[in-house]
């Protein structure tokens, strides 16, 4: 329930996330689960650095419209910073109702290629509150377990990555039809 970003990757850097669940369910509209930027504003000016980030089998979902946001200021520096982000088998909430991100180079969800700065590989998109919902058990209580038989994240993770992280955070095996996120699905208690 972070006020701005659950995870803020600022001033560039190298990041690797496998089977993570990034949620932000703060009660305002302008927070996001994940923010990736290549700069940091200081009293002395803006510092920029290269970004190299990879999210594999991750959920990026919250109460705002966007599960991830990018900002790149290093494009105008000499030399420009590199900005490389790969999202592989991720479930991403992105409800761009006002179309403010349509046509933006960092948000080519449907037609990205490995040559793009941000590459989306076999990701699921939650464009509405019902489409591809991860169906968390109790997000307002920070219980981000996904509900078996209801979650869009169930059984659709990349197997090669799941093999490298063979158990979820609770010790449950990911060897057969692994789920996206930190948790394998659970049966909803009655």
N, C-alpha and C. Protein backbone atom coordinates (compact mmCIF):
# COMPACT_ATOMS: atom_id res chain seq x y z
N UNK A 1 0.84 -1.19 0.00
CA UNK A 1 0.00 0.00 0.00
C UNK A 1 0.87 1.24 0.00
N UNK A 2 1.77 1.30 -0.96
CA UNK A 2 2.68 2.43 -1.07
C UNK A 2 1.95 3.63 -1.65
N UNK A 3 2.30 4.81 -1.18
CA UNK A 3 1.67 6.03 -1.66
C UNK A 3 1.98 6.35 -3.10
N UNK A 4 3.16 5.97 -3.59
CA UNK A 4 3.51 6.25 -4.98
C UNK A 4 3.79 4.97 -5.77
N UNK A 5 4.89 4.29 -5.45
CA UNK A 5 5.24 3.08 -6.18
C UNK A 5 5.63 1.98 -5.20
N UNK A 6 5.11 0.78 -5.42
CA UNK A 6 5.50 -0.36 -4.60
C UNK A 6 6.96 -0.70 -4.83
N UNK A 7 7.42 -0.63 -6.06
CA UNK A 7 8.81 -0.82 -6.44
C UNK A 7 9.19 0.33 -7.36
N UNK A 8 10.19 1.11 -6.97
CA UNK A 8 10.67 2.22 -7.80
C UNK A 8 12.11 1.96 -8.18
N UNK A 9 12.33 1.61 -9.44
CA UNK A 9 13.67 1.41 -9.97
C UNK A 9 14.09 2.74 -10.57
N UNK A 10 14.86 3.52 -9.80
CA UNK A 10 15.23 4.87 -10.24
C UNK A 10 16.73 4.96 -10.49
N UNK A 11 17.12 5.97 -11.24
CA UNK A 11 18.50 6.21 -11.64
C UNK A 11 19.08 4.99 -12.34
N UNK A 12 18.27 4.41 -13.22
CA UNK A 12 18.75 3.27 -13.99
C UNK A 12 19.03 2.08 -13.10
N UNK A 13 19.93 1.22 -13.56
CA UNK A 13 20.32 0.05 -12.80
C UNK A 13 20.03 -1.24 -13.54
N UNK A 14 20.48 -2.33 -12.96
CA UNK A 14 20.25 -3.66 -13.49
C UNK A 14 19.36 -4.41 -12.50
N UNK A 15 18.26 -4.94 -12.99
CA UNK A 15 17.27 -5.58 -12.14
C UNK A 15 16.82 -6.90 -12.76
N UNK A 16 16.62 -7.91 -11.91
CA UNK A 16 16.08 -9.19 -12.35
C UNK A 16 15.04 -9.64 -11.33
N UNK A 17 13.82 -9.86 -11.79
CA UNK A 17 12.73 -10.30 -10.93
C UNK A 17 12.09 -11.53 -11.55
N UNK A 18 12.01 -12.61 -10.76
CA UNK A 18 11.39 -13.85 -11.22
C UNK A 18 10.31 -14.25 -10.22
N UNK A 19 9.15 -14.56 -10.74
CA UNK A 19 8.03 -15.01 -9.92
C UNK A 19 7.77 -14.06 -8.76
N UNK A 20 7.59 -12.81 -9.08
CA UNK A 20 7.28 -11.79 -8.07
C UNK A 20 5.86 -11.30 -8.27
N UNK A 21 5.25 -10.86 -7.19
CA UNK A 21 3.95 -10.21 -7.26
C UNK A 21 4.13 -8.80 -6.73
N UNK A 22 3.91 -7.83 -7.62
CA UNK A 22 3.99 -6.43 -7.24
C UNK A 22 2.57 -5.88 -7.22
N UNK A 23 2.10 -5.57 -6.04
CA UNK A 23 0.76 -5.02 -5.89
C UNK A 23 0.83 -3.70 -5.15
N UNK A 24 -0.06 -2.81 -5.49
CA UNK A 24 -0.16 -1.55 -4.76
C UNK A 24 -1.65 -1.22 -4.70
N UNK A 25 -2.19 -1.28 -3.53
CA UNK A 25 -3.63 -1.08 -3.35
C UNK A 25 -3.92 0.13 -2.47
N UNK A 26 -3.07 1.15 -2.59
CA UNK A 26 -3.28 2.40 -1.87
C UNK A 26 -4.57 3.04 -2.36
N UNK A 27 -5.15 3.90 -1.56
CA UNK A 27 -6.50 4.40 -1.86
C UNK A 27 -6.55 5.62 -2.77
N UNK A 28 -5.45 5.98 -3.44
CA UNK A 28 -5.51 7.09 -4.41
C UNK A 28 -5.28 6.54 -5.80
N UNK A 29 -5.55 7.36 -6.79
CA UNK A 29 -5.49 6.91 -8.17
C UNK A 29 -4.10 6.98 -8.79
N UNK A 30 -3.16 7.68 -8.19
CA UNK A 30 -1.90 7.95 -8.87
C UNK A 30 -0.73 7.08 -8.39
N UNK A 31 -1.00 6.00 -7.71
CA UNK A 31 0.07 5.10 -7.31
C UNK A 31 0.18 3.98 -8.33
N UNK A 32 1.32 3.31 -8.34
CA UNK A 32 1.54 2.22 -9.28
C UNK A 32 2.36 1.14 -8.58
N UNK A 33 2.16 -0.12 -8.93
CA UNK A 33 2.98 -1.18 -8.36
C UNK A 33 4.47 -1.06 -8.73
N UNK A 34 4.77 -0.77 -10.02
CA UNK A 34 6.16 -0.72 -10.48
C UNK A 34 6.41 0.54 -11.31
N UNK A 35 7.51 1.21 -10.98
CA UNK A 35 7.97 2.39 -11.72
C UNK A 35 9.41 2.14 -12.12
N UNK A 36 9.74 2.32 -13.41
CA UNK A 36 11.10 2.15 -13.91
C UNK A 36 11.49 3.44 -14.63
N UNK A 37 12.53 4.11 -14.11
CA UNK A 37 13.01 5.36 -14.71
C UNK A 37 14.53 5.35 -14.79
N UNK A 38 15.05 6.11 -15.71
CA UNK A 38 16.51 6.16 -15.89
C UNK A 38 17.13 7.40 -15.25
N UNK A 39 16.44 8.06 -14.36
CA UNK A 39 16.96 9.32 -13.80
C UNK A 39 16.62 9.46 -12.32
N UNK A 40 17.27 10.45 -11.73
CA UNK A 40 16.98 10.86 -10.37
C UNK A 40 17.20 12.36 -10.31
N UNK A 41 16.16 13.10 -9.91
CA UNK A 41 16.27 14.55 -9.76
C UNK A 41 16.90 14.87 -8.41
N UNK A 42 17.96 15.67 -8.41
CA UNK A 42 18.63 16.09 -7.18
C UNK A 42 18.70 17.61 -7.15
N UNK A 43 19.16 18.16 -6.05
CA UNK A 43 19.34 19.62 -5.96
C UNK A 43 20.37 20.11 -6.96
N UNK A 44 21.34 19.24 -7.29
CA UNK A 44 22.39 19.62 -8.24
C UNK A 44 21.97 19.43 -9.70
N UNK A 45 20.84 18.80 -9.94
CA UNK A 45 20.37 18.56 -11.30
C UNK A 45 19.85 17.15 -11.46
N UNK A 46 19.61 16.77 -12.69
CA UNK A 46 19.08 15.45 -12.99
C UNK A 46 20.22 14.51 -13.37
N UNK A 47 20.32 13.39 -12.68
CA UNK A 47 21.29 12.36 -12.99
C UNK A 47 20.60 11.28 -13.82
N UNK A 48 21.31 10.74 -14.81
CA UNK A 48 20.74 9.67 -15.65
C UNK A 48 21.69 8.49 -15.70
N UNK A 49 21.14 7.30 -15.91
CA UNK A 49 21.95 6.08 -16.03
C UNK A 49 21.18 5.04 -16.84
N UNK A 50 21.90 4.06 -17.37
CA UNK A 50 21.30 3.00 -18.17
C UNK A 50 20.34 2.15 -17.34
N UNK A 51 19.31 1.63 -18.01
CA UNK A 51 18.35 0.71 -17.40
C UNK A 51 18.44 -0.64 -18.11
N UNK A 52 18.54 -1.69 -17.33
CA UNK A 52 18.49 -3.06 -17.84
C UNK A 52 17.65 -3.85 -16.84
N UNK A 53 16.38 -4.08 -17.17
CA UNK A 53 15.46 -4.73 -16.23
C UNK A 53 14.76 -5.90 -16.89
N UNK A 54 14.55 -6.96 -16.12
CA UNK A 54 13.83 -8.12 -16.63
C UNK A 54 12.85 -8.59 -15.57
N UNK A 55 11.59 -8.73 -15.98
CA UNK A 55 10.52 -9.24 -15.13
C UNK A 55 10.02 -10.52 -15.79
N UNK A 56 10.14 -11.65 -15.08
CA UNK A 56 9.74 -12.93 -15.63
C UNK A 56 8.70 -13.58 -14.72
N UNK A 57 7.57 -13.96 -15.30
CA UNK A 57 6.49 -14.61 -14.56
C UNK A 57 6.03 -13.77 -13.36
N UNK A 58 5.88 -12.48 -13.57
CA UNK A 58 5.52 -11.56 -12.49
C UNK A 58 4.12 -10.99 -12.69
N UNK A 59 3.48 -10.65 -11.59
CA UNK A 59 2.21 -9.93 -11.60
C UNK A 59 2.50 -8.49 -11.21
N UNK A 60 1.97 -7.54 -12.01
CA UNK A 60 2.11 -6.12 -11.75
C UNK A 60 0.69 -5.55 -11.77
N UNK A 61 0.09 -5.42 -10.61
CA UNK A 61 -1.35 -5.16 -10.52
C UNK A 61 -1.66 -4.37 -9.26
N UNK A 62 -2.60 -3.45 -9.35
CA UNK A 62 -3.00 -2.68 -8.18
C UNK A 62 -4.34 -2.02 -8.39
N UNK A 63 -4.67 -1.10 -7.50
CA UNK A 63 -5.97 -0.44 -7.57
C UNK A 63 -6.00 0.71 -8.56
N UNK A 64 -4.85 1.19 -9.00
CA UNK A 64 -4.84 2.25 -10.02
C UNK A 64 -4.99 1.61 -11.40
N UNK A 65 -4.99 2.42 -12.43
CA UNK A 65 -5.17 1.92 -13.79
C UNK A 65 -3.92 1.25 -14.37
N UNK A 66 -2.75 1.53 -13.77
CA UNK A 66 -1.50 1.08 -14.39
C UNK A 66 -0.70 0.20 -13.44
N UNK A 67 -0.22 -0.94 -13.94
CA UNK A 67 0.61 -1.83 -13.16
C UNK A 67 2.08 -1.48 -13.27
N UNK A 68 2.45 -0.78 -14.34
CA UNK A 68 3.84 -0.37 -14.54
C UNK A 68 3.86 0.94 -15.32
N UNK A 69 4.79 1.80 -14.94
CA UNK A 69 5.02 3.05 -15.68
C UNK A 69 6.51 3.22 -15.91
N UNK A 70 6.84 3.83 -17.05
CA UNK A 70 8.22 4.09 -17.43
C UNK A 70 8.39 5.59 -17.64
N UNK A 71 9.64 6.06 -17.41
CA UNK A 71 9.98 7.44 -17.75
C UNK A 71 11.45 7.46 -18.12
N UNK A 72 11.75 8.04 -19.26
CA UNK A 72 13.12 8.06 -19.77
C UNK A 72 13.53 9.49 -20.07
N UNK A 73 14.47 10.01 -19.33
CA UNK A 73 15.01 11.35 -19.59
C UNK A 73 16.37 11.28 -20.28
N UNK A 74 16.99 10.11 -20.28
CA UNK A 74 18.32 9.96 -20.85
C UNK A 74 18.36 9.87 -22.35
N UNK A 75 17.21 9.92 -23.02
CA UNK A 75 17.18 9.86 -24.49
C UNK A 75 17.84 11.09 -25.09
N UNK A 76 17.83 12.20 -24.37
CA UNK A 76 18.35 13.46 -24.90
C UNK A 76 19.77 13.77 -24.42
N UNK A 77 20.39 12.84 -23.68
CA UNK A 77 21.75 13.08 -23.21
C UNK A 77 22.74 12.63 -24.27
N UNK A 78 23.99 13.02 -24.12
CA UNK A 78 25.01 12.64 -25.08
C UNK A 78 26.11 11.90 -24.34
N UNK A 79 26.27 10.60 -24.49
CA UNK A 79 25.42 9.73 -25.30
C UNK A 79 24.11 9.43 -24.58
N UNK A 80 23.10 9.02 -25.32
CA UNK A 80 21.83 8.68 -24.67
C UNK A 80 21.97 7.43 -23.79
N UNK A 81 21.18 7.37 -22.73
CA UNK A 81 21.19 6.17 -21.90
C UNK A 81 20.49 5.04 -22.65
N UNK A 82 20.88 3.82 -22.33
CA UNK A 82 20.13 2.68 -22.86
C UNK A 82 18.96 2.40 -21.92
N UNK A 83 17.88 1.95 -22.48
CA UNK A 83 16.67 1.68 -21.71
C UNK A 83 16.13 0.35 -22.21
N UNK A 84 16.47 -0.73 -21.52
CA UNK A 84 16.07 -2.07 -21.94
C UNK A 84 15.28 -2.74 -20.83
N UNK A 85 14.02 -3.04 -21.11
CA UNK A 85 13.15 -3.71 -20.15
C UNK A 85 12.48 -4.87 -20.86
N UNK A 86 12.59 -6.07 -20.30
CA UNK A 86 11.91 -7.25 -20.83
C UNK A 86 10.87 -7.69 -19.82
N UNK A 87 9.65 -7.89 -20.31
CA UNK A 87 8.57 -8.45 -19.49
C UNK A 87 8.16 -9.75 -20.16
N UNK A 88 8.40 -10.87 -19.49
CA UNK A 88 8.19 -12.19 -20.06
C UNK A 88 7.18 -12.96 -19.22
N UNK A 89 6.07 -13.35 -19.83
CA UNK A 89 5.01 -14.10 -19.16
C UNK A 89 4.55 -13.37 -17.89
N UNK A 90 4.25 -12.09 -18.03
CA UNK A 90 3.78 -11.29 -16.89
C UNK A 90 2.31 -10.96 -17.06
N UNK A 91 1.63 -10.75 -15.95
CA UNK A 91 0.26 -10.25 -15.95
C UNK A 91 0.35 -8.79 -15.52
N UNK A 92 -0.06 -7.89 -16.42
CA UNK A 92 0.12 -6.45 -16.22
C UNK A 92 -1.23 -5.74 -16.30
N UNK A 93 -1.55 -5.01 -15.26
CA UNK A 93 -2.75 -4.18 -15.33
C UNK A 93 -2.39 -2.91 -16.09
N UNK A 94 -3.17 -2.59 -17.11
CA UNK A 94 -2.94 -1.37 -17.87
C UNK A 94 -4.25 -0.95 -18.52
N UNK A 95 -4.97 -0.09 -17.84
CA UNK A 95 -6.27 0.40 -18.30
C UNK A 95 -6.10 1.83 -18.78
N UNK A 96 -5.73 1.99 -20.02
CA UNK A 96 -5.46 3.32 -20.60
C UNK A 96 -6.73 3.89 -21.23
N UNK A 97 -7.69 4.21 -20.36
CA UNK A 97 -8.99 4.69 -20.85
C UNK A 97 -8.89 5.98 -21.65
N UNK A 98 -7.96 6.85 -21.31
CA UNK A 98 -7.84 8.14 -22.01
C UNK A 98 -6.89 8.07 -23.20
N UNK A 99 -6.33 6.89 -23.48
CA UNK A 99 -5.42 6.67 -24.60
C UNK A 99 -4.18 7.57 -24.55
N UNK A 100 -3.75 7.95 -23.36
CA UNK A 100 -2.57 8.81 -23.27
C UNK A 100 -1.27 8.06 -23.56
N UNK A 101 -1.29 6.72 -23.55
CA UNK A 101 -0.09 5.94 -23.82
C UNK A 101 -0.12 5.30 -25.20
N UNK A 102 -1.21 5.45 -25.94
CA UNK A 102 -1.33 4.87 -27.27
C UNK A 102 -0.26 5.45 -28.18
N UNK A 103 0.48 4.58 -28.84
CA UNK A 103 1.52 5.01 -29.76
C UNK A 103 2.84 5.39 -29.10
N UNK A 104 2.94 5.33 -27.80
CA UNK A 104 4.19 5.65 -27.10
C UNK A 104 5.15 4.46 -27.23
N UNK A 105 6.42 4.74 -27.50
CA UNK A 105 7.36 3.67 -27.82
C UNK A 105 7.62 2.70 -26.66
N UNK A 106 7.42 3.12 -25.43
CA UNK A 106 7.66 2.23 -24.29
C UNK A 106 6.45 1.36 -23.96
N UNK A 107 5.34 1.58 -24.66
CA UNK A 107 4.09 0.87 -24.35
C UNK A 107 3.52 0.16 -25.57
N UNK A 108 4.35 -0.55 -26.33
CA UNK A 108 3.91 -1.32 -27.49
C UNK A 108 3.50 -2.72 -27.04
N UNK A 109 2.41 -2.83 -26.33
CA UNK A 109 2.02 -4.10 -25.74
C UNK A 109 1.78 -5.20 -26.77
N UNK A 110 1.10 -4.89 -27.82
CA UNK A 110 0.68 -5.93 -28.77
C UNK A 110 1.73 -6.23 -29.83
N UNK A 111 2.56 -5.29 -30.20
CA UNK A 111 3.45 -5.49 -31.33
C UNK A 111 4.92 -5.26 -31.01
N UNK A 112 5.32 -5.52 -29.79
CA UNK A 112 6.73 -5.29 -29.46
C UNK A 112 7.60 -6.40 -30.04
N UNK A 113 8.84 -6.04 -30.30
CA UNK A 113 9.84 -7.00 -30.77
C UNK A 113 11.05 -6.88 -29.85
N UNK A 114 11.95 -7.85 -29.95
CA UNK A 114 13.14 -7.82 -29.11
C UNK A 114 13.99 -6.59 -29.38
N UNK A 115 13.80 -5.92 -30.50
CA UNK A 115 14.56 -4.71 -30.83
C UNK A 115 14.01 -3.48 -30.10
N UNK A 116 12.78 -3.56 -29.58
CA UNK A 116 12.19 -2.43 -28.86
C UNK A 116 12.86 -2.26 -27.50
N UNK A 117 12.81 -1.03 -26.97
CA UNK A 117 13.37 -0.77 -25.65
C UNK A 117 12.64 -1.56 -24.58
N UNK A 118 11.33 -1.68 -24.71
CA UNK A 118 10.54 -2.49 -23.79
C UNK A 118 9.92 -3.62 -24.61
N UNK A 119 10.25 -4.85 -24.24
CA UNK A 119 9.79 -6.02 -24.97
C UNK A 119 8.81 -6.80 -24.10
N UNK A 120 7.61 -6.98 -24.62
CA UNK A 120 6.55 -7.71 -23.93
C UNK A 120 6.42 -9.08 -24.59
N UNK A 121 6.77 -10.15 -23.89
CA UNK A 121 6.74 -11.49 -24.44
C UNK A 121 5.68 -12.32 -23.73
N UNK A 122 4.64 -12.69 -24.44
CA UNK A 122 3.57 -13.55 -23.94
C UNK A 122 2.99 -13.06 -22.61
N UNK A 123 2.71 -11.77 -22.54
CA UNK A 123 2.13 -11.17 -21.34
C UNK A 123 0.62 -11.15 -21.44
N UNK A 124 -0.03 -11.15 -20.29
CA UNK A 124 -1.48 -10.96 -20.19
C UNK A 124 -1.72 -9.53 -19.73
N UNK A 125 -2.76 -8.90 -20.28
CA UNK A 125 -3.06 -7.51 -19.93
C UNK A 125 -4.45 -7.41 -19.32
N UNK A 126 -4.52 -6.76 -18.20
CA UNK A 126 -5.80 -6.49 -17.54
C UNK A 126 -6.18 -5.07 -17.93
N UNK A 127 -7.00 -4.96 -18.96
CA UNK A 127 -7.39 -3.64 -19.47
C UNK A 127 -8.66 -3.13 -18.78
N UNK A 128 -9.34 -4.01 -18.07
CA UNK A 128 -10.51 -3.63 -17.27
C UNK A 128 -10.39 -4.34 -15.93
N UNK A 129 -11.30 -4.05 -15.02
CA UNK A 129 -11.23 -4.68 -13.69
C UNK A 129 -11.61 -6.16 -13.73
N UNK A 130 -12.22 -6.62 -14.81
CA UNK A 130 -12.61 -8.03 -14.91
C UNK A 130 -11.73 -8.83 -15.86
N UNK A 131 -11.11 -8.20 -16.82
CA UNK A 131 -10.29 -8.89 -17.81
C UNK A 131 -8.94 -9.27 -17.21
N UNK A 132 -8.59 -10.54 -17.28
CA UNK A 132 -7.31 -11.06 -16.79
C UNK A 132 -7.00 -10.63 -15.36
N UNK A 133 -8.00 -10.67 -14.52
CA UNK A 133 -7.83 -10.31 -13.11
C UNK A 133 -7.05 -11.42 -12.40
N UNK A 134 -6.04 -11.06 -11.60
CA UNK A 134 -5.30 -12.10 -10.88
C UNK A 134 -6.10 -12.72 -9.74
N UNK A 135 -7.19 -12.09 -9.34
CA UNK A 135 -8.06 -12.61 -8.27
C UNK A 135 -7.25 -12.94 -7.01
N UNK A 136 -6.73 -11.88 -6.42
CA UNK A 136 -6.01 -12.02 -5.16
C UNK A 136 -6.98 -12.40 -4.05
N UNK A 137 -6.49 -13.14 -3.07
CA UNK A 137 -7.32 -13.60 -1.96
C UNK A 137 -7.86 -12.42 -1.15
N UNK A 138 -7.00 -11.52 -0.70
CA UNK A 138 -7.42 -10.35 0.09
C UNK A 138 -6.40 -9.22 -0.08
N UNK A 139 -6.41 -8.53 -1.22
CA UNK A 139 -5.38 -7.53 -1.49
C UNK A 139 -5.36 -6.38 -0.48
N UNK A 140 -6.49 -6.00 0.06
CA UNK A 140 -6.51 -4.90 1.04
C UNK A 140 -5.86 -5.29 2.36
N UNK A 141 -5.65 -6.60 2.57
CA UNK A 141 -4.94 -7.09 3.75
C UNK A 141 -3.56 -7.64 3.36
N UNK A 142 -3.10 -7.27 2.17
CA UNK A 142 -1.79 -7.69 1.64
C UNK A 142 -1.66 -9.20 1.47
N UNK A 143 -2.78 -9.89 1.29
CA UNK A 143 -2.75 -11.31 0.97
C UNK A 143 -2.90 -11.44 -0.54
N UNK A 144 -1.76 -11.59 -1.22
CA UNK A 144 -1.75 -11.62 -2.68
C UNK A 144 -1.67 -13.04 -3.24
N UNK A 145 -2.08 -14.02 -2.44
CA UNK A 145 -2.27 -15.36 -2.98
C UNK A 145 -3.35 -15.28 -4.06
N UNK A 146 -3.20 -16.09 -5.11
CA UNK A 146 -4.21 -16.09 -6.16
C UNK A 146 -5.16 -17.27 -5.95
N UNK A 147 -6.42 -17.07 -6.33
CA UNK A 147 -7.47 -18.04 -6.06
C UNK A 147 -7.55 -19.08 -7.18
N UNK A 148 -7.42 -20.32 -6.80
CA UNK A 148 -7.46 -21.43 -7.75
C UNK A 148 -8.80 -21.47 -8.48
N UNK A 149 -8.73 -21.64 -9.79
CA UNK A 149 -9.93 -21.72 -10.62
C UNK A 149 -10.52 -20.37 -10.99
N UNK A 150 -9.97 -19.28 -10.48
CA UNK A 150 -10.49 -17.94 -10.78
C UNK A 150 -9.45 -16.98 -11.34
N UNK A 151 -8.18 -17.22 -11.05
CA UNK A 151 -7.12 -16.28 -11.42
C UNK A 151 -6.66 -16.46 -12.86
N UNK A 152 -6.50 -15.34 -13.56
CA UNK A 152 -5.96 -15.37 -14.92
C UNK A 152 -4.48 -15.76 -14.92
N UNK A 153 -3.82 -15.66 -13.76
CA UNK A 153 -2.40 -15.99 -13.65
C UNK A 153 -2.15 -17.48 -13.48
N UNK A 154 -3.20 -18.24 -13.34
CA UNK A 154 -3.08 -19.67 -13.04
C UNK A 154 -2.66 -20.48 -14.27
N UNK A 155 -1.56 -21.22 -14.14
CA UNK A 155 -1.13 -22.17 -15.16
C UNK A 155 -0.55 -21.58 -16.42
N UNK A 156 -0.18 -20.30 -16.44
CA UNK A 156 0.29 -19.67 -17.69
C UNK A 156 1.69 -19.09 -17.59
N UNK A 157 2.43 -19.43 -16.54
CA UNK A 157 3.80 -18.94 -16.40
C UNK A 157 4.72 -19.67 -17.37
N UNK A 158 5.83 -19.04 -17.70
CA UNK A 158 6.84 -19.69 -18.53
C UNK A 158 7.51 -20.81 -17.75
N UNK A 159 7.50 -22.01 -18.29
CA UNK A 159 8.00 -23.18 -17.56
C UNK A 159 9.50 -23.11 -17.32
N UNK A 160 10.29 -22.61 -18.27
CA UNK A 160 11.75 -22.56 -18.09
C UNK A 160 12.12 -21.69 -16.89
N UNK A 161 11.48 -20.56 -16.74
CA UNK A 161 11.74 -19.69 -15.59
C UNK A 161 11.25 -20.36 -14.31
N UNK A 162 10.08 -20.98 -14.37
CA UNK A 162 9.53 -21.67 -13.20
C UNK A 162 10.48 -22.78 -12.74
N UNK A 163 11.14 -23.46 -13.68
CA UNK A 163 12.08 -24.51 -13.30
C UNK A 163 13.27 -23.94 -12.53
N UNK A 164 13.62 -22.69 -12.80
CA UNK A 164 14.75 -22.07 -12.09
C UNK A 164 14.35 -21.58 -10.69
N UNK A 165 13.05 -21.47 -10.45
CA UNK A 165 12.52 -21.11 -9.13
C UNK A 165 11.44 -22.16 -8.84
N UNK A 166 11.83 -23.39 -8.49
CA UNK A 166 10.90 -24.52 -8.48
C UNK A 166 9.84 -24.52 -7.39
N UNK A 167 9.96 -23.64 -6.40
CA UNK A 167 8.96 -23.59 -5.33
C UNK A 167 8.52 -22.14 -5.12
N UNK A 168 7.24 -21.96 -4.79
CA UNK A 168 6.77 -20.60 -4.52
C UNK A 168 7.18 -20.17 -3.12
N UNK A 169 6.79 -19.00 -2.72
CA UNK A 169 7.18 -18.42 -1.45
C UNK A 169 6.68 -19.24 -0.25
N UNK A 170 5.65 -20.06 -0.47
CA UNK A 170 5.12 -20.93 0.58
C UNK A 170 5.65 -22.36 0.50
N UNK A 171 6.58 -22.62 -0.43
CA UNK A 171 7.15 -23.96 -0.58
C UNK A 171 6.37 -24.89 -1.48
N UNK A 172 5.37 -24.35 -2.22
CA UNK A 172 4.55 -25.17 -3.12
C UNK A 172 5.30 -25.32 -4.45
N UNK A 173 5.30 -26.53 -4.99
CA UNK A 173 6.03 -26.85 -6.22
C UNK A 173 5.43 -26.12 -7.43
N UNK A 174 6.33 -25.72 -8.34
CA UNK A 174 5.93 -25.11 -9.61
C UNK A 174 6.22 -26.04 -10.78
N UNK A 175 6.36 -27.31 -10.56
CA UNK A 175 6.79 -28.22 -11.62
C UNK A 175 5.72 -28.51 -12.66
N UNK A 176 4.46 -28.33 -12.34
CA UNK A 176 3.39 -28.67 -13.27
C UNK A 176 2.47 -27.47 -13.48
N UNK A 177 2.41 -26.94 -14.70
CA UNK A 177 1.55 -25.80 -15.05
C UNK A 177 1.69 -24.67 -14.03
N UNK A 178 2.87 -24.05 -13.94
CA UNK A 178 3.11 -23.03 -12.93
C UNK A 178 2.27 -21.76 -13.14
N UNK A 179 2.05 -21.08 -12.04
CA UNK A 179 1.28 -19.83 -12.06
C UNK A 179 2.23 -18.64 -12.12
N UNK A 180 1.74 -17.55 -12.67
CA UNK A 180 2.48 -16.29 -12.67
C UNK A 180 2.41 -15.71 -11.26
N UNK A 181 3.50 -15.10 -10.81
CA UNK A 181 3.51 -14.43 -9.51
C UNK A 181 4.29 -15.19 -8.46
N UNK A 182 4.29 -14.64 -7.24
CA UNK A 182 5.05 -15.21 -6.13
C UNK A 182 4.39 -16.46 -5.56
N UNK A 183 3.07 -16.58 -5.72
CA UNK A 183 2.32 -17.66 -5.10
C UNK A 183 1.67 -18.56 -6.13
N UNK A 184 1.73 -19.86 -5.90
CA UNK A 184 0.90 -20.78 -6.66
C UNK A 184 -0.54 -20.63 -6.11
N UNK A 185 -1.50 -20.93 -6.94
CA UNK A 185 -2.90 -20.69 -6.55
C UNK A 185 -3.31 -21.56 -5.37
N UNK A 186 -4.29 -21.03 -4.62
CA UNK A 186 -4.84 -21.74 -3.46
C UNK A 186 -6.34 -21.88 -3.63
N UNK A 187 -6.90 -22.86 -2.97
CA UNK A 187 -8.34 -23.06 -2.99
C UNK A 187 -8.95 -22.03 -2.04
N UNK A 188 -9.99 -21.38 -2.50
CA UNK A 188 -10.69 -20.38 -1.68
C UNK A 188 -11.40 -21.08 -0.54
N UNK A 189 -11.08 -20.72 0.72
CA UNK A 189 -11.76 -21.38 1.83
C UNK A 189 -13.26 -21.03 1.85
N UNK A 190 -14.04 -21.97 2.29
CA UNK A 190 -15.50 -21.72 2.30
C UNK A 190 -15.93 -21.08 3.58
